Protein backbone atom coordinates (compact mmCIF):
# COMPACT_ATOMS: atom_id res chain seq x y z
CA UNK A 1 0.00 0.00 0.00
CA UNK A 2 2.69 2.53 1.00
CA UNK A 3 4.88 1.53 -1.94
CA UNK A 4 2.10 2.36 -4.40
CA UNK A 5 1.24 5.60 -2.65
CA UNK A 6 4.78 6.97 -2.68
CA UNK A 7 6.26 5.35 -5.76
CA UNK A 8 9.13 2.87 -5.85
CA UNK A 9 12.05 5.34 -5.52
CA UNK A 10 10.60 7.19 -2.55
CA UNK A 11 9.51 3.94 -0.91
CA UNK A 12 13.05 2.54 -1.17
CA UNK A 13 14.54 5.77 0.19
CA UNK A 14 12.14 5.70 3.16
CA UNK A 15 13.00 2.04 3.82
CA UNK A 16 16.71 2.89 3.81
CA UNK A 17 16.09 5.80 6.20
CA UNK A 18 14.01 3.55 8.43
CA UNK A 19 16.81 0.99 8.59
CA UNK A 20 19.36 3.69 9.51
CA UNK A 21 17.01 5.10 12.15
CA UNK A 22 16.49 1.67 13.71
CA UNK A 23 20.25 1.05 13.81
CA UNK A 24 20.80 4.33 15.65
CA UNK A 25 18.13 3.54 18.25
CA UNK A 26 19.40 0.00 18.73
CA UNK A 27 22.94 1.34 19.23
CA UNK A 28 21.70 3.69 21.96
CA UNK A 29 18.71 2.09 23.71
CA UNK A 30 19.20 4.19 26.85
CA UNK A 31 19.54 7.51 25.00
CA UNK A 32 23.05 8.17 26.31
CA UNK A 33 24.96 8.85 23.09
CA UNK A 34 24.41 10.81 19.91
CA UNK A 35 22.97 7.76 18.15
CA UNK A 36 19.49 8.36 19.57
CA UNK A 37 19.68 12.01 18.50
CA UNK A 38 20.61 10.92 14.98
CA UNK A 39 17.68 8.51 15.00
CA UNK A 40 15.28 11.30 15.94
CA UNK A 41 16.74 13.51 13.21
CA UNK A 42 15.98 10.77 10.68
CA UNK A 43 12.37 10.66 11.91
CA UNK A 44 12.02 14.38 11.20
CA UNK A 45 13.63 13.93 7.81
CA UNK A 46 11.19 11.14 6.95
CA UNK A 47 8.22 13.22 8.03
CA UNK A 48 9.35 16.08 5.82
CA UNK A 49 9.84 13.79 2.86
CA UNK A 50 6.30 12.56 3.17
CA UNK A 51 4.84 16.06 3.32
CA UNK A 52 7.11 18.93 2.34
CA UNK A 53 4.34 21.33 3.38
CA UNK A 54 5.01 20.62 7.06
CA UNK A 55 8.61 21.73 6.68
CA UNK A 56 7.57 24.78 4.66
CA UNK A 57 5.13 25.72 7.42
CA UNK A 58 7.87 25.49 10.03
CA UNK A 59 10.12 27.55 7.79
CA UNK A 60 7.44 30.24 7.56
CA UNK A 61 7.33 30.48 11.36
CA UNK A 62 11.13 30.34 11.83
CA UNK A 63 12.11 32.79 9.10
CA UNK A 64 14.17 34.83 8.61
CA UNK A 65 16.65 33.77 11.32
CA UNK A 66 15.86 30.06 11.78
CA UNK A 67 17.00 30.27 15.40
CA UNK A 68 16.73 27.18 17.56
CA UNK A 69 18.22 25.69 20.68
CA UNK A 70 20.58 28.05 22.52
CA UNK A 71 20.03 30.75 19.90
CA UNK A 72 21.86 28.73 17.25
CA UNK A 73 20.95 29.46 13.64
CA UNK A 74 19.68 26.42 11.78
CA UNK A 75 19.41 27.98 8.33
CA UNK A 76 21.93 25.56 6.78
CA UNK A 77 20.24 22.51 8.29
CA UNK A 78 16.76 23.77 7.39
CA UNK A 79 17.54 24.35 3.74
CA UNK A 80 19.53 21.12 3.50
CA UNK A 81 16.45 19.32 4.85
CA UNK A 82 14.17 21.07 2.36
CA UNK A 83 16.43 20.36 -0.60
CA UNK A 84 16.90 16.72 0.42
CA UNK A 85 13.14 16.35 0.78
CA UNK A 86 12.67 17.81 -2.69
CA UNK A 87 15.30 15.44 -4.12
CA UNK A 88 13.64 12.45 -2.51
CA UNK A 89 10.23 13.39 -3.90
CA UNK A 90 11.63 14.24 -7.34
CA UNK A 91 10.02 11.18 -8.92
CA UNK A 92 6.66 11.99 -7.39
CA UNK A 93 6.69 15.64 -8.45
CA UNK A 94 8.29 15.14 -11.84
CA UNK A 95 11.47 16.72 -13.15
CA UNK A 96 9.98 20.06 -14.20
CA UNK A 97 8.30 20.75 -10.86
CA UNK A 98 11.34 19.52 -8.95
CA UNK A 99 13.65 21.92 -10.81
CA UNK A 100 11.23 24.79 -10.27
CA UNK A 101 10.92 24.08 -6.53
CA UNK A 102 14.71 23.75 -6.17
CA UNK A 103 15.25 27.12 -7.81
CA UNK A 104 12.60 28.64 -5.55
CA UNK A 105 14.37 27.21 -2.51
CA UNK A 106 17.60 28.92 -3.56
CA UNK A 107 15.84 32.25 -4.13
CA UNK A 108 13.99 31.97 -0.82
CA UNK A 109 17.21 31.41 1.11
CA UNK A 110 18.84 34.41 -0.58
CA UNK A 111 15.92 36.63 0.48
CA UNK A 112 16.14 35.47 4.11
CA UNK A 113 19.91 35.90 4.23
CA UNK A 114 19.57 39.40 2.76
CA UNK A 115 17.12 40.45 5.51
CA UNK A 116 17.99 38.64 8.76
CA UNK A 117 16.32 41.34 10.86
CA UNK A 118 13.11 41.44 8.78
CA UNK A 119 13.50 45.14 7.98
CA UNK A 120 14.08 45.50 4.23
CA UNK A 121 11.19 43.55 2.72
CA UNK A 122 13.34 40.65 1.55
CA UNK A 123 11.90 38.41 4.27
CA UNK A 124 8.41 39.13 2.95
CA UNK A 125 9.57 37.98 -0.51
CA UNK A 126 11.01 34.79 0.98
CA UNK A 127 7.75 34.06 2.78
CA UNK A 128 5.81 34.68 -0.44
CA UNK A 129 7.93 31.98 -2.06
CA UNK A 130 7.08 29.60 0.79
CA UNK A 131 3.37 30.22 0.23
CA UNK A 132 3.77 29.66 -3.51
CA UNK A 133 5.67 26.41 -2.92
CA UNK A 134 3.02 25.19 -0.48
CA UNK A 135 0.33 25.77 -3.09
CA UNK A 136 2.38 23.92 -5.70
CA UNK A 137 2.80 20.78 -3.57
CA UNK A 138 -0.78 20.55 -2.32
CA UNK A 139 -1.91 16.91 -2.37
CA UNK A 140 -4.63 17.65 -4.91
CA UNK A 141 -2.16 19.42 -7.19
CA UNK A 142 0.54 16.73 -7.20
CA UNK A 143 -1.08 14.58 -9.83
CA UNK A 144 -1.58 17.35 -12.36
């Protein structure tokens, strides 16, 4: 059922991620090393692959600084996650849409980096790109 829903390439990628995640949790059953953290990171990655819109929604709320734990900027990790999610759903979206979304991701990041204090209007442009991307990957629009 899942294989047919996601397509063969995405299904195999998710299986591989699942195997890596399980290995990390089995290596650290008491959550005392970085293996459990890596396992949880894979869970987030898998969730974003399944629905890119969730990640885009979090990006909307976190932009333009993408600040997280201990005021660390996570812009690199966030965009790496988005671009990896796009790559993994490439077969589902089709080459043309994938290339368009990838280019939009690059433009969006440039807008956020140009306006880290949300004062020049570039952040607004980056958020507009997020909204456009969310509309493009709506479940009902994926098949068209």
